[in-house]
Amino acid sequence: MLLAVTLSAGAVPVRIVKPNFGSVLAADGKGGQYPASDTPYDIPEGTQLTFIYTPKNECSVFAEWQCVGGSIDADNRLVVGKEALTVYARFQIVQYTIEAQVIPVDAGRARIRCGVGDVFLDVAGSVNCGSTVQLIASEVEDNGYKFVEWDDGVKDRVRLVPADGDRIYIAYFSNPQSASGLEETADKAAAEKYIEDGTLRIRHNGRTYNTLGQLIDKTN
């Protein structure tokens, strides 16, 4: 048996779809509010709706409206016409660029992996905000260089960090048999990163390096 859906006079079905990474509702200017729902609302034709979106957290941002049966203007407003409406609020996950570098260059290896739980995979490109990133520093066999620490002082070769912003992590290596590169001494000071003429520099034990670990002669 077919069921007939009866709408009130002049009412139009308006469906506001629940988004995955945030929330959304519509307000009609008369105190009426319509949160996202699986069930369409019967809203009088000619009603002006203002749509309000809220990202789920700092890891999501609003991207765009998609509307079937009408259009939402730049002020997030829509006037209900004669046609049934379906409104979608599209959110995007924030992504960050996280890199791992080695100083001196080619002294060792540093890489990043991204995972959920205990499963980590190599990263090619950006990672989603809120992900867990695994940093791995490894030595190269027979080249004499040994891992010392990361640029923030952490001495663990393998560590976990949150994906909460763009970041470059630097793994420092030293060669006790060499006078070049980042020397390891008993009173080794922490490396300092700074910007000079728009370029990232690293100051360590009185010497200045570029991000490739190459010594910069400041006297030239």
N, C-alpha and C. Protein backbone atom coordinates (compact mmCIF):
# COMPACT_ATOMS: atom_id res chain seq x y z
N MET A 1 0.85 -1.19 0.00
CA MET A 1 0.00 0.00 0.00
C MET A 1 0.88 1.24 0.00
N LEU A 2 0.59 2.19 -0.85
CA LEU A 2 1.36 3.43 -0.92
C LEU A 2 0.89 4.38 0.16
N LEU A 3 1.87 5.06 0.77
CA LEU A 3 1.58 6.05 1.80
C LEU A 3 1.72 7.43 1.20
N ALA A 4 0.75 8.25 1.36
CA ALA A 4 0.80 9.62 0.84
C ALA A 4 1.34 10.54 1.93
N VAL A 5 2.33 11.39 1.57
CA VAL A 5 2.89 12.36 2.50
C VAL A 5 2.19 13.69 2.26
N THR A 6 1.52 14.18 3.29
CA THR A 6 0.77 15.43 3.16
C THR A 6 1.54 16.55 3.84
N LEU A 7 1.83 17.61 3.09
CA LEU A 7 2.52 18.78 3.64
C LEU A 7 1.50 19.87 3.96
N SER A 8 1.83 20.67 4.94
CA SER A 8 0.98 21.82 5.24
C SER A 8 1.00 22.77 4.06
N ALA A 9 -0.01 23.61 3.96
CA ALA A 9 -0.15 24.50 2.81
C ALA A 9 1.09 25.36 2.64
N GLY A 10 1.67 25.34 1.43
CA GLY A 10 2.83 26.18 1.13
C GLY A 10 4.12 25.68 1.73
N ALA A 11 4.13 24.49 2.34
CA ALA A 11 5.34 23.98 2.97
C ALA A 11 6.19 23.23 1.96
N VAL A 12 7.50 23.33 2.15
CA VAL A 12 8.46 22.69 1.25
C VAL A 12 9.38 21.81 2.09
N PRO A 13 9.66 20.58 1.69
CA PRO A 13 10.58 19.73 2.46
C PRO A 13 12.03 20.21 2.30
N VAL A 14 12.67 20.43 3.42
CA VAL A 14 14.07 20.88 3.44
C VAL A 14 14.86 19.90 4.28
N ARG A 15 15.79 19.21 3.67
CA ARG A 15 16.63 18.26 4.39
C ARG A 15 18.01 18.85 4.59
N ILE A 16 18.50 18.85 5.83
CA ILE A 16 19.84 19.33 6.17
C ILE A 16 20.65 18.11 6.60
N VAL A 17 21.58 17.71 5.77
CA VAL A 17 22.30 16.46 5.97
C VAL A 17 23.36 16.62 7.07
N LYS A 18 23.46 15.61 7.93
CA LYS A 18 24.45 15.64 9.00
C LYS A 18 25.85 15.50 8.40
N PRO A 19 26.76 16.45 8.69
CA PRO A 19 28.14 16.34 8.16
C PRO A 19 28.99 15.40 9.02
N ASN A 20 30.11 14.95 8.45
CA ASN A 20 30.99 14.03 9.16
C ASN A 20 31.93 14.72 10.14
N PHE A 21 32.37 15.93 9.82
CA PHE A 21 33.43 16.56 10.61
C PHE A 21 33.00 17.90 11.20
N GLY A 22 31.73 18.02 11.54
CA GLY A 22 31.26 19.26 12.14
C GLY A 22 29.76 19.18 12.37
N SER A 23 29.16 20.31 12.62
CA SER A 23 27.71 20.38 12.80
C SER A 23 27.17 21.58 12.04
N VAL A 24 25.87 21.55 11.76
CA VAL A 24 25.25 22.62 11.00
C VAL A 24 23.78 22.72 11.39
N LEU A 25 23.27 23.94 11.40
CA LEU A 25 21.84 24.16 11.59
C LEU A 25 21.42 25.38 10.79
N ALA A 26 20.11 25.50 10.58
CA ALA A 26 19.55 26.66 9.89
C ALA A 26 18.64 27.41 10.85
N ALA A 27 18.63 28.73 10.75
CA ALA A 27 17.76 29.58 11.57
C ALA A 27 16.90 30.41 10.64
N ASP A 28 15.61 30.59 11.01
CA ASP A 28 14.69 31.29 10.11
C ASP A 28 14.45 32.75 10.46
N GLY A 29 15.13 33.27 11.47
CA GLY A 29 14.98 34.68 11.82
C GLY A 29 13.80 34.96 12.73
N LYS A 30 12.97 33.95 13.02
CA LYS A 30 11.83 34.11 13.90
C LYS A 30 11.96 33.23 15.14
N GLY A 31 13.19 32.81 15.38
CA GLY A 31 13.43 31.95 16.54
C GLY A 31 13.43 30.47 16.21
N GLY A 32 13.08 30.12 14.98
CA GLY A 32 13.06 28.72 14.60
C GLY A 32 14.45 28.26 14.21
N GLN A 33 14.85 27.10 14.72
CA GLN A 33 16.15 26.52 14.38
C GLN A 33 15.96 25.10 13.89
N TYR A 34 16.78 24.73 12.91
CA TYR A 34 16.64 23.44 12.26
C TYR A 34 18.02 22.77 12.19
N PRO A 35 18.40 21.99 13.18
CA PRO A 35 19.68 21.27 13.13
C PRO A 35 19.64 20.17 12.08
N ALA A 36 20.82 19.74 11.66
CA ALA A 36 20.90 18.66 10.67
C ALA A 36 20.17 17.43 11.17
N SER A 37 19.44 16.79 10.27
CA SER A 37 18.59 15.67 10.66
C SER A 37 18.38 14.74 9.47
N ASP A 38 18.13 13.47 9.78
CA ASP A 38 17.81 12.52 8.71
C ASP A 38 16.40 12.74 8.16
N THR A 39 15.59 13.47 8.91
CA THR A 39 14.20 13.72 8.51
C THR A 39 14.05 15.14 7.97
N PRO A 40 13.48 15.32 6.79
CA PRO A 40 13.29 16.67 6.24
C PRO A 40 12.33 17.50 7.10
N TYR A 41 12.55 18.80 7.08
CA TYR A 41 11.64 19.74 7.75
C TYR A 41 10.65 20.27 6.72
N ASP A 42 9.42 20.54 7.16
CA ASP A 42 8.43 21.22 6.32
C ASP A 42 8.49 22.71 6.63
N ILE A 43 9.08 23.48 5.73
CA ILE A 43 9.33 24.91 5.96
C ILE A 43 8.55 25.70 4.92
N PRO A 44 7.82 26.72 5.35
CA PRO A 44 7.00 27.50 4.42
C PRO A 44 7.81 28.11 3.27
N GLU A 45 7.24 28.07 2.10
CA GLU A 45 7.85 28.71 0.94
C GLU A 45 8.06 30.19 1.23
N GLY A 46 9.21 30.71 0.80
CA GLY A 46 9.54 32.12 1.01
C GLY A 46 10.32 32.38 2.28
N THR A 47 10.48 31.38 3.14
CA THR A 47 11.25 31.55 4.37
C THR A 47 12.72 31.73 4.05
N GLN A 48 13.34 32.72 4.68
CA GLN A 48 14.79 32.90 4.52
C GLN A 48 15.50 32.15 5.65
N LEU A 49 16.39 31.28 5.27
CA LEU A 49 17.17 30.50 6.23
C LEU A 49 18.62 30.98 6.23
N THR A 50 19.18 31.11 7.42
CA THR A 50 20.60 31.38 7.55
C THR A 50 21.27 30.14 8.12
N PHE A 51 22.27 29.65 7.42
CA PHE A 51 22.94 28.41 7.82
C PHE A 51 24.18 28.72 8.66
N ILE A 52 24.32 27.98 9.73
CA ILE A 52 25.42 28.17 10.67
C ILE A 52 26.18 26.86 10.79
N TYR A 53 27.48 26.90 10.56
CA TYR A 53 28.30 25.68 10.64
C TYR A 53 29.32 25.81 11.76
N THR A 54 29.68 24.68 12.33
CA THR A 54 30.68 24.62 13.39
C THR A 54 31.60 23.43 13.12
N PRO A 55 32.91 23.67 12.89
CA PRO A 55 33.82 22.54 12.70
C PRO A 55 33.85 21.65 13.95
N LYS A 56 34.14 20.38 13.74
CA LYS A 56 34.16 19.42 14.85
C LYS A 56 35.23 19.77 15.87
N ASN A 57 36.41 20.15 15.40
CA ASN A 57 37.52 20.53 16.27
C ASN A 57 38.54 21.29 15.43
N GLU A 58 39.74 21.51 16.02
CA GLU A 58 40.76 22.29 15.31
C GLU A 58 41.30 21.56 14.08
N CYS A 59 40.95 20.29 13.93
CA CYS A 59 41.46 19.52 12.80
C CYS A 59 40.52 19.54 11.59
N SER A 60 39.41 20.25 11.68
CA SER A 60 38.50 20.32 10.54
C SER A 60 38.17 21.78 10.23
N VAL A 61 37.95 22.07 8.96
CA VAL A 61 37.59 23.41 8.51
C VAL A 61 36.44 23.30 7.51
N PHE A 62 35.59 24.30 7.51
CA PHE A 62 34.48 24.33 6.55
C PHE A 62 35.03 24.56 5.15
N ALA A 63 34.50 23.81 4.18
CA ALA A 63 34.97 23.94 2.80
C ALA A 63 33.94 24.63 1.91
N GLU A 64 32.69 24.12 1.87
CA GLU A 64 31.71 24.70 0.97
C GLU A 64 30.32 24.15 1.29
N TRP A 65 29.30 24.86 0.76
CA TRP A 65 27.93 24.36 0.78
C TRP A 65 27.64 23.68 -0.54
N GLN A 66 26.86 22.63 -0.47
CA GLN A 66 26.29 22.03 -1.67
C GLN A 66 24.79 21.91 -1.45
N CYS A 67 24.03 22.42 -2.40
CA CYS A 67 22.57 22.50 -2.22
C CYS A 67 21.88 21.98 -3.46
N VAL A 68 21.02 21.01 -3.28
CA VAL A 68 20.20 20.47 -4.37
C VAL A 68 18.82 21.10 -4.29
N GLY A 69 18.42 21.80 -5.35
CA GLY A 69 17.11 22.45 -5.38
C GLY A 69 17.15 23.92 -5.06
N GLY A 70 18.32 24.48 -4.83
CA GLY A 70 18.44 25.91 -4.52
C GLY A 70 19.90 26.28 -4.42
N SER A 71 20.18 27.47 -3.91
CA SER A 71 21.56 27.92 -3.76
C SER A 71 21.69 28.76 -2.50
N ILE A 72 22.85 28.65 -1.85
CA ILE A 72 23.16 29.40 -0.64
C ILE A 72 24.15 30.50 -1.03
N ASP A 73 23.85 31.74 -0.61
CA ASP A 73 24.69 32.87 -1.03
C ASP A 73 25.93 33.00 -0.16
N ALA A 74 26.72 34.04 -0.43
CA ALA A 74 27.98 34.24 0.28
C ALA A 74 27.79 34.53 1.76
N ASP A 75 26.58 34.94 2.14
CA ASP A 75 26.28 35.21 3.55
C ASP A 75 25.61 34.01 4.21
N ASN A 76 25.72 32.85 3.58
CA ASN A 76 25.16 31.60 4.12
C ASN A 76 23.64 31.65 4.24
N ARG A 77 22.98 32.33 3.31
CA ARG A 77 21.52 32.46 3.36
C ARG A 77 20.88 31.80 2.14
N LEU A 78 19.67 31.36 2.35
CA LEU A 78 18.90 30.71 1.30
C LEU A 78 17.42 31.03 1.50
N VAL A 79 16.72 31.30 0.41
CA VAL A 79 15.27 31.52 0.46
C VAL A 79 14.59 30.26 -0.07
N VAL A 80 13.71 29.69 0.74
CA VAL A 80 13.01 28.47 0.36
C VAL A 80 12.07 28.77 -0.80
N GLY A 81 12.24 28.02 -1.89
CA GLY A 81 11.37 28.20 -3.04
C GLY A 81 10.32 27.11 -3.10
N LYS A 82 9.90 26.77 -4.29
CA LYS A 82 8.85 25.76 -4.46
C LYS A 82 9.42 24.33 -4.49
N GLU A 83 10.72 24.22 -4.75
CA GLU A 83 11.33 22.92 -4.94
C GLU A 83 11.91 22.39 -3.63
N ALA A 84 11.80 21.08 -3.44
CA ALA A 84 12.40 20.45 -2.26
C ALA A 84 13.90 20.70 -2.24
N LEU A 85 14.46 20.87 -1.03
CA LEU A 85 15.86 21.23 -0.87
C LEU A 85 16.60 20.16 -0.08
N THR A 86 17.84 19.94 -0.47
CA THR A 86 18.77 19.12 0.32
C THR A 86 20.07 19.90 0.43
N VAL A 87 20.52 20.11 1.67
CA VAL A 87 21.69 20.95 1.92
C VAL A 87 22.79 20.11 2.56
N TYR A 88 23.99 20.24 1.99
CA TYR A 88 25.17 19.55 2.52
C TYR A 88 26.21 20.61 2.94
N ALA A 89 26.79 20.42 4.12
CA ALA A 89 27.93 21.23 4.55
C ALA A 89 29.18 20.37 4.43
N ARG A 90 30.11 20.79 3.57
CA ARG A 90 31.32 20.02 3.35
C ARG A 90 32.46 20.57 4.22
N PHE A 91 33.05 19.68 5.00
CA PHE A 91 34.22 20.03 5.81
C PHE A 91 35.44 19.28 5.29
N GLN A 92 36.62 19.83 5.56
CA GLN A 92 37.87 19.18 5.18
C GLN A 92 38.74 18.98 6.43
N ILE A 93 39.53 17.92 6.40
CA ILE A 93 40.49 17.68 7.48
C ILE A 93 41.72 18.54 7.23
N VAL A 94 42.19 19.25 8.26
CA VAL A 94 43.40 20.05 8.16
C VAL A 94 44.59 19.12 7.98
N GLN A 95 45.50 19.48 7.09
CA GLN A 95 46.70 18.69 6.86
C GLN A 95 47.94 19.51 7.15
N TYR A 96 48.97 18.84 7.63
CA TYR A 96 50.24 19.49 7.95
C TYR A 96 51.39 18.80 7.21
N THR A 97 52.42 19.59 6.93
CA THR A 97 53.63 19.05 6.32
C THR A 97 54.66 18.83 7.42
N ILE A 98 55.05 17.59 7.60
CA ILE A 98 56.06 17.24 8.61
C ILE A 98 57.23 16.58 7.89
N GLU A 99 58.44 17.09 8.13
CA GLU A 99 59.63 16.57 7.47
C GLU A 99 60.65 16.16 8.52
N ALA A 100 61.53 15.25 8.12
CA ALA A 100 62.65 14.84 8.96
C ALA A 100 63.93 15.01 8.14
N GLN A 101 64.90 15.73 8.71
CA GLN A 101 66.15 16.00 8.02
C GLN A 101 67.33 15.56 8.88
N VAL A 102 68.49 15.48 8.26
CA VAL A 102 69.71 15.03 8.94
C VAL A 102 70.78 16.10 8.84
N ILE A 103 71.48 16.33 9.93
CA ILE A 103 72.64 17.22 9.96
C ILE A 103 73.77 16.49 10.70
N PRO A 104 74.97 16.43 10.08
CA PRO A 104 75.35 16.84 8.72
C PRO A 104 74.65 16.00 7.66
N VAL A 105 74.51 16.58 6.49
CA VAL A 105 73.81 15.88 5.42
C VAL A 105 74.53 14.59 5.09
N ASP A 106 73.77 13.52 4.87
CA ASP A 106 74.28 12.19 4.54
C ASP A 106 75.00 11.51 5.69
N ALA A 107 74.98 12.11 6.88
CA ALA A 107 75.60 11.45 8.03
C ALA A 107 74.79 10.26 8.51
N GLY A 108 73.50 10.31 8.27
CA GLY A 108 72.60 9.23 8.67
C GLY A 108 71.31 9.34 7.90
N ARG A 109 70.27 8.74 8.41
CA ARG A 109 68.97 8.79 7.76
C ARG A 109 67.92 9.20 8.78
N ALA A 110 66.91 9.90 8.29
CA ALA A 110 65.76 10.27 9.13
C ALA A 110 64.51 10.17 8.27
N ARG A 111 63.49 9.55 8.80
CA ARG A 111 62.26 9.43 8.03
C ARG A 111 61.07 9.51 8.98
N ILE A 112 59.92 9.72 8.38
CA ILE A 112 58.70 9.82 9.16
C ILE A 112 57.70 8.77 8.67
N ARG A 113 56.89 8.29 9.62
CA ARG A 113 55.81 7.37 9.31
C ARG A 113 54.58 7.87 10.03
N CYS A 114 53.44 7.55 9.51
CA CYS A 114 52.18 8.00 10.10
C CYS A 114 51.31 6.79 10.36
N GLY A 115 50.60 6.82 11.50
CA GLY A 115 49.83 5.63 11.81
C GLY A 115 48.62 5.88 12.68
N VAL A 116 47.88 4.81 12.82
CA VAL A 116 46.74 4.75 13.71
C VAL A 116 46.95 3.54 14.60
N GLY A 117 46.93 3.73 15.91
CA GLY A 117 47.22 2.64 16.81
C GLY A 117 48.69 2.28 16.72
N ASP A 118 48.98 1.00 16.49
CA ASP A 118 50.37 0.54 16.41
C ASP A 118 50.82 0.29 14.98
N VAL A 119 50.02 0.67 14.01
CA VAL A 119 50.35 0.42 12.60
C VAL A 119 50.83 1.73 11.97
N PHE A 120 52.08 1.73 11.48
CA PHE A 120 52.64 2.94 10.90
C PHE A 120 53.10 2.65 9.47
N LEU A 121 52.86 3.62 8.58
CA LEU A 121 53.25 3.49 7.18
C LEU A 121 54.08 4.70 6.79
N ASP A 122 54.97 4.52 5.82
CA ASP A 122 55.78 5.63 5.33
C ASP A 122 54.88 6.71 4.76
N VAL A 123 55.27 7.96 4.98
CA VAL A 123 54.47 9.11 4.56
C VAL A 123 55.03 9.68 3.27
N ALA A 124 54.15 9.94 2.33
CA ALA A 124 54.53 10.63 1.10
C ALA A 124 53.61 11.85 0.99
N GLY A 125 54.07 12.98 1.50
CA GLY A 125 53.25 14.19 1.45
C GLY A 125 52.74 14.58 2.83
N SER A 126 51.60 15.25 2.86
CA SER A 126 51.06 15.80 4.09
C SER A 126 50.38 14.71 4.93
N VAL A 127 50.22 15.02 6.22
CA VAL A 127 49.54 14.10 7.13
C VAL A 127 48.34 14.81 7.74
N ASN A 128 47.34 14.05 8.10
CA ASN A 128 46.13 14.63 8.67
C ASN A 128 46.37 15.14 10.08
N CYS A 129 45.81 16.28 10.39
CA CYS A 129 45.84 16.82 11.75
C CYS A 129 45.28 15.77 12.71
N GLY A 130 45.95 15.63 13.85
CA GLY A 130 45.51 14.66 14.85
C GLY A 130 46.13 13.29 14.70
N SER A 131 46.84 13.06 13.59
CA SER A 131 47.51 11.77 13.41
C SER A 131 48.70 11.67 14.35
N THR A 132 49.18 10.46 14.54
CA THR A 132 50.41 10.22 15.27
C THR A 132 51.53 9.96 14.27
N VAL A 133 52.63 10.68 14.43
CA VAL A 133 53.76 10.57 13.51
C VAL A 133 54.92 9.89 14.23
N GLN A 134 55.52 8.93 13.56
CA GLN A 134 56.69 8.23 14.09
C GLN A 134 57.94 8.77 13.39
N LEU A 135 58.89 9.25 14.18
CA LEU A 135 60.17 9.72 13.65
C LEU A 135 61.21 8.63 13.88
N ILE A 136 62.02 8.36 12.86
CA ILE A 136 63.04 7.31 12.96
C ILE A 136 64.37 7.86 12.47
N ALA A 137 65.38 7.83 13.34
CA ALA A 137 66.74 8.21 12.97
C ALA A 137 67.59 6.94 12.95
N SER A 138 68.32 6.74 11.87
CA SER A 138 69.14 5.54 11.76
C SER A 138 70.52 5.91 11.23
N GLU A 139 71.52 5.13 11.64
CA GLU A 139 72.89 5.39 11.24
C GLU A 139 73.21 4.64 9.95
N VAL A 140 74.23 5.12 9.25
CA VAL A 140 74.70 4.48 8.03
C VAL A 140 75.92 3.63 8.40
N GLU A 141 75.89 2.39 8.02
CA GLU A 141 76.94 1.46 8.41
C GLU A 141 78.31 1.92 7.90
N ASP A 142 79.28 1.92 8.80
CA ASP A 142 80.70 2.15 8.47
C ASP A 142 81.05 3.58 8.09
N ASN A 143 80.14 4.55 8.26
CA ASN A 143 80.56 5.92 7.91
C ASN A 143 81.09 6.68 9.12
N GLY A 144 81.00 6.08 10.29
CA GLY A 144 81.58 6.70 11.48
C GLY A 144 80.67 7.62 12.25
N TYR A 145 79.54 8.03 11.66
CA TYR A 145 78.64 8.96 12.34
C TYR A 145 77.66 8.22 13.25
N LYS A 146 77.40 8.81 14.40
CA LYS A 146 76.48 8.25 15.37
C LYS A 146 75.36 9.25 15.65
N PHE A 147 74.15 8.73 15.81
CA PHE A 147 73.03 9.61 16.16
C PHE A 147 73.25 10.21 17.54
N VAL A 148 72.99 11.52 17.66
CA VAL A 148 73.14 12.22 18.93
C VAL A 148 71.78 12.53 19.54
N GLU A 149 70.97 13.31 18.83
CA GLU A 149 69.66 13.71 19.35
C GLU A 149 68.88 14.43 18.27
N TRP A 150 67.59 14.63 18.52
CA TRP A 150 66.75 15.47 17.67
C TRP A 150 66.94 16.93 18.07
N ASP A 151 66.49 17.82 17.24
CA ASP A 151 66.73 19.24 17.47
C ASP A 151 66.06 19.77 18.73
N ASP A 152 65.06 19.07 19.27
CA ASP A 152 64.43 19.52 20.51
C ASP A 152 65.01 18.82 21.73
N GLY A 153 66.13 18.11 21.55
CA GLY A 153 66.82 17.51 22.68
C GLY A 153 66.45 16.08 22.98
N VAL A 154 65.46 15.53 22.31
CA VAL A 154 65.05 14.14 22.54
C VAL A 154 66.11 13.21 21.95
N LYS A 155 66.57 12.26 22.74
CA LYS A 155 67.67 11.40 22.33
C LYS A 155 67.22 10.02 21.83
N ASP A 156 65.93 9.77 21.83
CA ASP A 156 65.42 8.49 21.34
C ASP A 156 65.48 8.45 19.82
N ARG A 157 66.03 7.39 19.27
CA ARG A 157 66.11 7.26 17.81
C ARG A 157 64.71 7.19 17.19
N VAL A 158 63.84 6.46 17.86
CA VAL A 158 62.46 6.31 17.40
C VAL A 158 61.55 6.97 18.41
N ARG A 159 60.69 7.85 17.96
CA ARG A 159 59.81 8.59 18.87
C ARG A 159 58.49 8.88 18.17
N LEU A 160 57.49 9.20 18.96
CA LEU A 160 56.17 9.55 18.44
C LEU A 160 55.90 11.02 18.72
N VAL A 161 55.35 11.72 17.73
CA VAL A 161 54.99 13.13 17.89
C VAL A 161 53.60 13.35 17.30
N PRO A 162 52.85 14.33 17.80
CA PRO A 162 51.53 14.61 17.23
C PRO A 162 51.64 15.45 15.97
N ALA A 163 50.71 15.26 15.07
CA ALA A 163 50.62 16.11 13.88
C ALA A 163 49.75 17.30 14.24
N ASP A 164 50.36 18.35 14.81
CA ASP A 164 49.60 19.51 15.26
C ASP A 164 50.08 20.81 14.62
N GLY A 165 50.87 20.71 13.55
CA GLY A 165 51.33 21.89 12.84
C GLY A 165 52.43 21.52 11.87
N ASP A 166 52.74 22.43 10.94
CA ASP A 166 53.87 22.20 10.03
C ASP A 166 55.16 22.19 10.85
N ARG A 167 56.02 21.24 10.56
CA ARG A 167 57.20 21.11 11.40
C ARG A 167 58.32 20.39 10.66
N ILE A 168 59.55 20.83 10.87
CA ILE A 168 60.74 20.13 10.41
C ILE A 168 61.48 19.62 11.64
N TYR A 169 61.66 18.32 11.72
CA TYR A 169 62.45 17.72 12.79
C TYR A 169 63.84 17.40 12.24
N ILE A 170 64.85 17.73 12.99
CA ILE A 170 66.23 17.54 12.55
C ILE A 170 66.91 16.53 13.46
N ALA A 171 67.50 15.51 12.83
CA ALA A 171 68.28 14.50 13.56
C ALA A 171 69.75 14.87 13.44
N TYR A 172 70.40 15.09 14.59
CA TYR A 172 71.82 15.45 14.60
C TYR A 172 72.68 14.20 14.78
N PHE A 173 73.73 14.12 13.96
CA PHE A 173 74.70 13.04 14.05
C PHE A 173 76.08 13.63 14.29
N SER A 174 76.98 12.86 14.87
CA SER A 174 78.35 13.32 15.07
C SER A 174 79.31 12.19 14.75
N ASN A 175 80.51 12.58 14.39
CA ASN A 175 81.59 11.63 14.12
C ASN A 175 82.74 11.93 15.05
N PRO A 176 82.93 11.14 16.09
CA PRO A 176 84.00 11.42 17.05
C PRO A 176 85.39 11.46 16.42
N GLN A 177 85.55 10.84 15.24
CA GLN A 177 86.86 10.80 14.59
C GLN A 177 87.06 11.94 13.61
N SER A 178 86.04 12.81 13.47
CA SER A 178 86.12 13.87 12.47
C SER A 178 85.97 15.22 13.13
N ALA A 179 86.68 16.22 12.58
CA ALA A 179 86.57 17.59 13.10
C ALA A 179 85.49 18.37 12.39
N SER A 180 84.86 17.76 11.39
CA SER A 180 83.82 18.45 10.63
C SER A 180 82.45 18.02 11.13
N GLY A 181 81.45 18.72 10.71
CA GLY A 181 80.09 18.39 11.11
C GLY A 181 79.78 18.85 12.52
N LEU A 182 78.72 18.35 13.09
CA LEU A 182 78.31 18.72 14.44
C LEU A 182 79.09 17.86 15.42
N GLU A 183 80.04 18.44 16.09
CA GLU A 183 80.90 17.69 16.99
C GLU A 183 80.18 17.41 18.29
N GLU A 184 80.42 16.24 18.83
CA GLU A 184 79.85 15.87 20.11
C GLU A 184 80.88 16.13 21.19
N THR A 185 80.59 17.02 22.09
CA THR A 185 81.48 17.35 23.18
C THR A 185 80.75 17.19 24.49
N ALA A 186 81.52 17.19 25.58
CA ALA A 186 80.92 16.98 26.89
C ALA A 186 79.95 18.09 27.25
N ASP A 187 80.24 19.30 26.79
CA ASP A 187 79.37 20.42 27.11
C ASP A 187 78.61 20.89 25.87
N LYS A 188 78.18 19.95 25.05
CA LYS A 188 77.49 20.28 23.79
C LYS A 188 76.24 21.10 24.06
N ALA A 189 76.18 22.28 23.49
CA ALA A 189 75.01 23.14 23.66
C ALA A 189 73.91 22.71 22.70
N ALA A 190 72.68 22.98 23.05
CA ALA A 190 71.56 22.67 22.18
C ALA A 190 71.63 23.51 20.91
N ALA A 191 71.26 22.93 19.81
CA ALA A 191 71.26 23.66 18.55
C ALA A 191 70.14 24.70 18.55
N GLU A 192 70.41 25.80 17.87
CA GLU A 192 69.44 26.90 17.79
C GLU A 192 69.10 27.16 16.34
N LYS A 193 67.82 27.19 16.04
CA LYS A 193 67.35 27.49 14.68
C LYS A 193 66.92 28.95 14.63
N TYR A 194 67.25 29.63 13.54
CA TYR A 194 66.85 31.02 13.39
C TYR A 194 66.74 31.35 11.90
N ILE A 195 66.09 32.47 11.62
CA ILE A 195 65.90 32.92 10.23
C ILE A 195 66.83 34.08 9.96
N GLU A 196 67.57 33.99 8.85
CA GLU A 196 68.44 35.08 8.43
C GLU A 196 68.21 35.34 6.94
N ASP A 197 67.79 36.58 6.62
CA ASP A 197 67.50 36.94 5.24
C ASP A 197 66.50 35.97 4.61
N GLY A 198 65.51 35.56 5.42
CA GLY A 198 64.46 34.68 4.93
C GLY A 198 64.87 33.22 4.80
N THR A 199 66.05 32.85 5.30
CA THR A 199 66.56 31.48 5.18
C THR A 199 66.76 30.87 6.56
N LEU A 200 66.35 29.60 6.72
CA LEU A 200 66.53 28.93 7.99
C LEU A 200 68.00 28.57 8.18
N ARG A 201 68.56 28.94 9.35
CA ARG A 201 69.93 28.60 9.72
C ARG A 201 69.92 27.82 11.04
N ILE A 202 70.99 27.07 11.28
CA ILE A 202 71.14 26.35 12.54
C ILE A 202 72.48 26.72 13.15
N ARG A 203 72.45 27.19 14.40
CA ARG A 203 73.68 27.55 15.12
C ARG A 203 73.93 26.47 16.16
N HIS A 204 75.13 25.89 16.13
CA HIS A 204 75.44 24.76 17.00
C HIS A 204 76.92 24.79 17.36
N ASN A 205 77.22 24.81 18.68
CA ASN A 205 78.60 24.81 19.15
C ASN A 205 79.44 25.91 18.50
N GLY A 206 78.82 27.09 18.33
CA GLY A 206 79.54 28.23 17.79
C GLY A 206 79.68 28.24 16.28
N ARG A 207 79.13 27.23 15.62
CA ARG A 207 79.19 27.18 14.16
C ARG A 207 77.80 27.35 13.58
N THR A 208 77.73 27.78 12.32
CA THR A 208 76.46 27.99 11.65
C THR A 208 76.36 27.06 10.45
N TYR A 209 75.18 26.40 10.33
CA TYR A 209 74.94 25.44 9.26
C TYR A 209 73.67 25.83 8.51
N ASN A 210 73.58 25.39 7.26
CA ASN A 210 72.30 25.48 6.58
C ASN A 210 71.50 24.22 6.86
N THR A 211 70.29 24.13 6.31
CA THR A 211 69.42 23.00 6.64
C THR A 211 69.91 21.69 6.01
N LEU A 212 70.93 21.75 5.16
CA LEU A 212 71.53 20.53 4.63
C LEU A 212 72.68 20.03 5.48
N GLY A 213 72.95 20.77 6.57
CA GLY A 213 74.05 20.37 7.45
C GLY A 213 75.40 20.87 6.98
N GLN A 214 75.41 21.76 6.00
CA GLN A 214 76.68 22.27 5.46
C GLN A 214 77.13 23.48 6.27
N LEU A 215 78.41 23.47 6.63
CA LEU A 215 78.96 24.56 7.43
C LEU A 215 78.99 25.85 6.61
N ILE A 216 78.52 26.94 7.22
CA ILE A 216 78.52 28.24 6.56
C ILE A 216 79.65 29.08 7.16
N ASP A 217 80.58 29.53 6.34
CA ASP A 217 81.68 30.37 6.81
C ASP A 217 81.19 31.79 6.92
N LYS A 218 80.93 32.26 8.13
CA LYS A 218 80.35 33.59 8.34
C LYS A 218 81.34 34.71 8.08
N THR A 219 82.62 34.38 7.89
CA THR A 219 83.63 35.42 7.68
C THR A 219 83.68 35.88 6.23
N ASN A 220 83.08 35.09 5.31
CA ASN A 220 83.11 35.47 3.88
C ASN A 220 82.03 36.48 3.56
